[in-house]
Amino acid sequence: MRAVCLITIKPGKTDKVLESLHKKRKLLKEILPVTGRADVCVLLQGSIDEINNMVIDFKKIKEIVTTETLIEVEVNLGW
């Protein structure tokens, strides 16, 4: 299963958060600083429980303000 986690961080704390995220390599496929409503986009791959636990772990980083996780779903379009 794959997911995208959009992370908003406190102003001026990007480098510290990126450093903390790079230490959590197990499920992280990519860490992307981005522009827009989020500051960092993290691509995750693992089971739903592993993704859930990783996002909960993100919230332990005090510089992270909010997270929004988008989980890939399979859709049968009947084609």
N, C-alpha and C. Protein backbone atom coordinates (compact mmCIF):
# COMPACT_ATOMS: atom_id res chain seq x y z
N MET A 1 0.85 -1.17 0.00
CA MET A 1 0.00 0.00 0.00
C MET A 1 0.90 1.23 0.00
N ARG A 2 0.45 2.26 -0.73
CA ARG A 2 1.20 3.50 -0.78
C ARG A 2 0.36 4.64 -0.22
N ALA A 3 1.05 5.67 0.28
CA ALA A 3 0.37 6.84 0.82
C ALA A 3 1.25 8.06 0.65
N VAL A 4 0.61 9.21 0.66
CA VAL A 4 1.29 10.49 0.63
C VAL A 4 0.90 11.21 1.91
N CYS A 5 1.89 11.72 2.63
CA CYS A 5 1.62 12.48 3.85
C CYS A 5 2.06 13.92 3.62
N LEU A 6 1.10 14.84 3.71
CA LEU A 6 1.39 16.26 3.57
C LEU A 6 1.63 16.81 4.97
N ILE A 7 2.77 17.47 5.16
CA ILE A 7 3.17 17.93 6.49
C ILE A 7 3.33 19.44 6.49
N THR A 8 2.71 20.09 7.46
CA THR A 8 2.89 21.52 7.69
C THR A 8 3.77 21.68 8.93
N ILE A 9 4.78 22.55 8.82
CA ILE A 9 5.71 22.72 9.92
C ILE A 9 5.76 24.17 10.39
N LYS A 10 6.35 24.39 11.56
CA LYS A 10 6.52 25.73 12.09
C LYS A 10 7.50 26.50 11.21
N PRO A 11 7.29 27.81 11.06
CA PRO A 11 8.18 28.62 10.22
C PRO A 11 9.64 28.51 10.67
N GLY A 12 10.53 28.40 9.70
CA GLY A 12 11.96 28.36 9.97
C GLY A 12 12.49 27.04 10.47
N LYS A 13 11.68 26.00 10.48
CA LYS A 13 12.09 24.70 11.03
C LYS A 13 12.22 23.61 9.95
N THR A 14 12.24 24.01 8.70
CA THR A 14 12.29 23.03 7.61
C THR A 14 13.49 22.10 7.70
N ASP A 15 14.67 22.67 7.88
CA ASP A 15 15.89 21.84 7.93
C ASP A 15 15.84 20.83 9.06
N LYS A 16 15.38 21.25 10.23
CA LYS A 16 15.31 20.35 11.38
C LYS A 16 14.33 19.21 11.13
N VAL A 17 13.18 19.53 10.55
CA VAL A 17 12.17 18.50 10.28
C VAL A 17 12.69 17.53 9.21
N LEU A 18 13.30 18.05 8.15
CA LEU A 18 13.83 17.18 7.11
C LEU A 18 14.89 16.24 7.68
N GLU A 19 15.73 16.74 8.56
CA GLU A 19 16.75 15.91 9.20
C GLU A 19 16.09 14.80 10.03
N SER A 20 15.05 15.15 10.78
CA SER A 20 14.33 14.15 11.59
C SER A 20 13.66 13.10 10.71
N LEU A 21 13.08 13.53 9.61
CA LEU A 21 12.39 12.60 8.71
C LEU A 21 13.37 11.64 8.03
N HIS A 22 14.55 12.14 7.68
CA HIS A 22 15.54 11.28 7.02
C HIS A 22 16.01 10.14 7.94
N LYS A 23 15.86 10.30 9.24
CA LYS A 23 16.24 9.25 10.19
C LYS A 23 15.22 8.12 10.23
N LYS A 24 14.00 8.37 9.72
CA LYS A 24 12.91 7.39 9.75
C LYS A 24 12.79 6.75 8.38
N ARG A 25 13.76 5.97 7.98
CA ARG A 25 13.86 5.50 6.60
C ARG A 25 13.02 4.28 6.27
N LYS A 26 12.50 3.56 7.24
CA LYS A 26 11.89 2.27 6.97
C LYS A 26 10.81 2.32 5.88
N LEU A 27 9.83 3.18 6.01
CA LEU A 27 8.72 3.23 5.06
C LEU A 27 8.82 4.39 4.07
N LEU A 28 9.70 5.34 4.36
CA LEU A 28 9.77 6.54 3.54
C LEU A 28 10.47 6.26 2.22
N LYS A 29 9.79 6.52 1.13
CA LYS A 29 10.37 6.34 -0.19
C LYS A 29 10.97 7.64 -0.69
N GLU A 30 10.31 8.75 -0.41
CA GLU A 30 10.82 10.07 -0.80
C GLU A 30 10.34 11.11 0.19
N ILE A 31 11.18 12.13 0.39
CA ILE A 31 10.83 13.27 1.23
C ILE A 31 11.03 14.50 0.34
N LEU A 32 9.95 15.24 0.12
CA LEU A 32 10.00 16.36 -0.82
C LEU A 32 9.57 17.66 -0.15
N PRO A 33 10.47 18.63 -0.01
CA PRO A 33 10.03 19.97 0.40
C PRO A 33 9.19 20.54 -0.75
N VAL A 34 8.02 21.08 -0.46
CA VAL A 34 7.11 21.55 -1.50
C VAL A 34 6.58 22.93 -1.18
N THR A 35 5.95 23.55 -2.18
CA THR A 35 5.26 24.81 -1.96
C THR A 35 3.77 24.53 -1.96
N GLY A 36 3.00 25.44 -1.40
CA GLY A 36 1.55 25.26 -1.34
C GLY A 36 1.10 25.19 0.10
N ARG A 37 0.00 24.51 0.34
CA ARG A 37 -0.54 24.47 1.70
C ARG A 37 0.29 23.60 2.63
N ALA A 38 1.07 22.68 2.09
CA ALA A 38 1.97 21.85 2.90
C ALA A 38 3.40 22.32 2.69
N ASP A 39 4.27 21.99 3.63
CA ASP A 39 5.68 22.35 3.53
C ASP A 39 6.53 21.18 3.07
N VAL A 40 6.10 19.95 3.42
CA VAL A 40 6.84 18.75 3.07
C VAL A 40 5.83 17.68 2.64
N CYS A 41 6.20 16.93 1.62
CA CYS A 41 5.39 15.80 1.16
C CYS A 41 6.25 14.55 1.30
N VAL A 42 5.71 13.55 1.98
CA VAL A 42 6.43 12.30 2.20
C VAL A 42 5.68 11.17 1.51
N LEU A 43 6.39 10.39 0.69
CA LEU A 43 5.80 9.23 0.04
C LEU A 43 6.14 8.01 0.89
N LEU A 44 5.11 7.25 1.28
CA LEU A 44 5.27 6.09 2.15
C LEU A 44 4.83 4.83 1.43
N GLN A 45 5.46 3.71 1.79
CA GLN A 45 5.01 2.43 1.26
C GLN A 45 5.12 1.39 2.36
N GLY A 46 4.02 0.66 2.62
CA GLY A 46 3.99 -0.37 3.65
C GLY A 46 2.56 -0.80 3.87
N SER A 47 2.33 -1.54 4.94
CA SER A 47 0.97 -1.95 5.27
C SER A 47 0.23 -0.76 5.88
N ILE A 48 -1.09 -0.85 5.97
CA ILE A 48 -1.88 0.23 6.55
C ILE A 48 -1.46 0.51 7.99
N ASP A 49 -1.15 -0.55 8.75
CA ASP A 49 -0.73 -0.37 10.13
C ASP A 49 0.64 0.31 10.21
N GLU A 50 1.55 -0.07 9.31
CA GLU A 50 2.87 0.56 9.30
C GLU A 50 2.77 2.04 8.94
N ILE A 51 1.93 2.35 7.96
CA ILE A 51 1.74 3.75 7.57
C ILE A 51 1.13 4.53 8.72
N ASN A 52 0.11 3.97 9.35
CA ASN A 52 -0.54 4.62 10.49
C ASN A 52 0.46 4.90 11.60
N ASN A 53 1.27 3.91 11.95
CA ASN A 53 2.26 4.09 13.01
C ASN A 53 3.32 5.13 12.64
N MET A 54 3.70 5.18 11.38
CA MET A 54 4.69 6.17 10.94
C MET A 54 4.13 7.58 11.06
N VAL A 55 2.87 7.78 10.66
CA VAL A 55 2.25 9.10 10.75
C VAL A 55 2.10 9.51 12.22
N ILE A 56 1.74 8.57 13.07
CA ILE A 56 1.68 8.86 14.51
C ILE A 56 3.06 9.27 15.01
N ASP A 57 4.10 8.60 14.52
CA ASP A 57 5.47 8.93 14.89
C ASP A 57 5.86 10.33 14.41
N PHE A 58 5.37 10.73 13.23
CA PHE A 58 5.64 12.08 12.73
C PHE A 58 5.16 13.12 13.72
N LYS A 59 4.01 12.87 14.33
CA LYS A 59 3.41 13.85 15.24
C LYS A 59 4.22 14.03 16.52
N LYS A 60 5.19 13.17 16.76
CA LYS A 60 6.09 13.33 17.91
C LYS A 60 7.17 14.37 17.65
N ILE A 61 7.34 14.75 16.39
CA ILE A 61 8.31 15.79 16.04
C ILE A 61 7.65 17.13 16.36
N LYS A 62 8.16 17.84 17.34
CA LYS A 62 7.46 19.02 17.87
C LYS A 62 7.36 20.17 16.87
N GLU A 63 8.20 20.19 15.83
CA GLU A 63 8.13 21.25 14.83
C GLU A 63 7.03 21.02 13.79
N ILE A 64 6.44 19.83 13.79
CA ILE A 64 5.34 19.53 12.87
C ILE A 64 4.03 20.04 13.47
N VAL A 65 3.31 20.84 12.68
CA VAL A 65 2.04 21.42 13.14
C VAL A 65 0.87 20.51 12.78
N THR A 66 0.79 20.10 11.51
CA THR A 66 -0.30 19.23 11.07
C THR A 66 0.20 18.23 10.03
N THR A 67 -0.55 17.14 9.90
CA THR A 67 -0.30 16.18 8.83
C THR A 67 -1.64 15.84 8.18
N GLU A 68 -1.58 15.52 6.91
CA GLU A 68 -2.75 15.03 6.18
C GLU A 68 -2.27 13.85 5.34
N THR A 69 -2.86 12.69 5.55
CA THR A 69 -2.40 11.48 4.87
C THR A 69 -3.41 11.06 3.82
N LEU A 70 -2.92 10.88 2.61
CA LEU A 70 -3.73 10.43 1.49
C LEU A 70 -3.31 9.01 1.16
N ILE A 71 -4.21 8.05 1.36
CA ILE A 71 -3.89 6.63 1.17
C ILE A 71 -4.44 6.16 -0.17
N GLU A 72 -3.58 5.49 -0.91
CA GLU A 72 -3.96 4.96 -2.21
C GLU A 72 -5.06 3.92 -2.04
N VAL A 73 -6.06 3.97 -2.92
CA VAL A 73 -7.11 2.96 -2.91
C VAL A 73 -7.21 2.33 -4.29
N GLU A 74 -7.68 1.11 -4.32
CA GLU A 74 -7.91 0.44 -5.59
C GLU A 74 -9.37 0.63 -5.96
N VAL A 75 -9.60 1.01 -7.20
CA VAL A 75 -10.95 1.27 -7.68
C VAL A 75 -11.22 0.37 -8.87
N ASN A 76 -12.30 -0.38 -8.81
CA ASN A 76 -12.71 -1.23 -9.93
C ASN A 76 -13.69 -0.44 -10.77
N LEU A 77 -13.23 0.00 -11.94
CA LEU A 77 -14.08 0.78 -12.82
C LEU A 77 -14.93 -0.07 -13.74
N GLY A 78 -14.76 -1.39 -13.64
CA GLY A 78 -15.56 -2.31 -14.42
C GLY A 78 -15.20 -2.38 -15.89
N TRP A 79 -13.97 -2.00 -16.23
CA TRP A 79 -13.56 -2.05 -17.63
C TRP A 79 -13.05 -3.38 -18.00
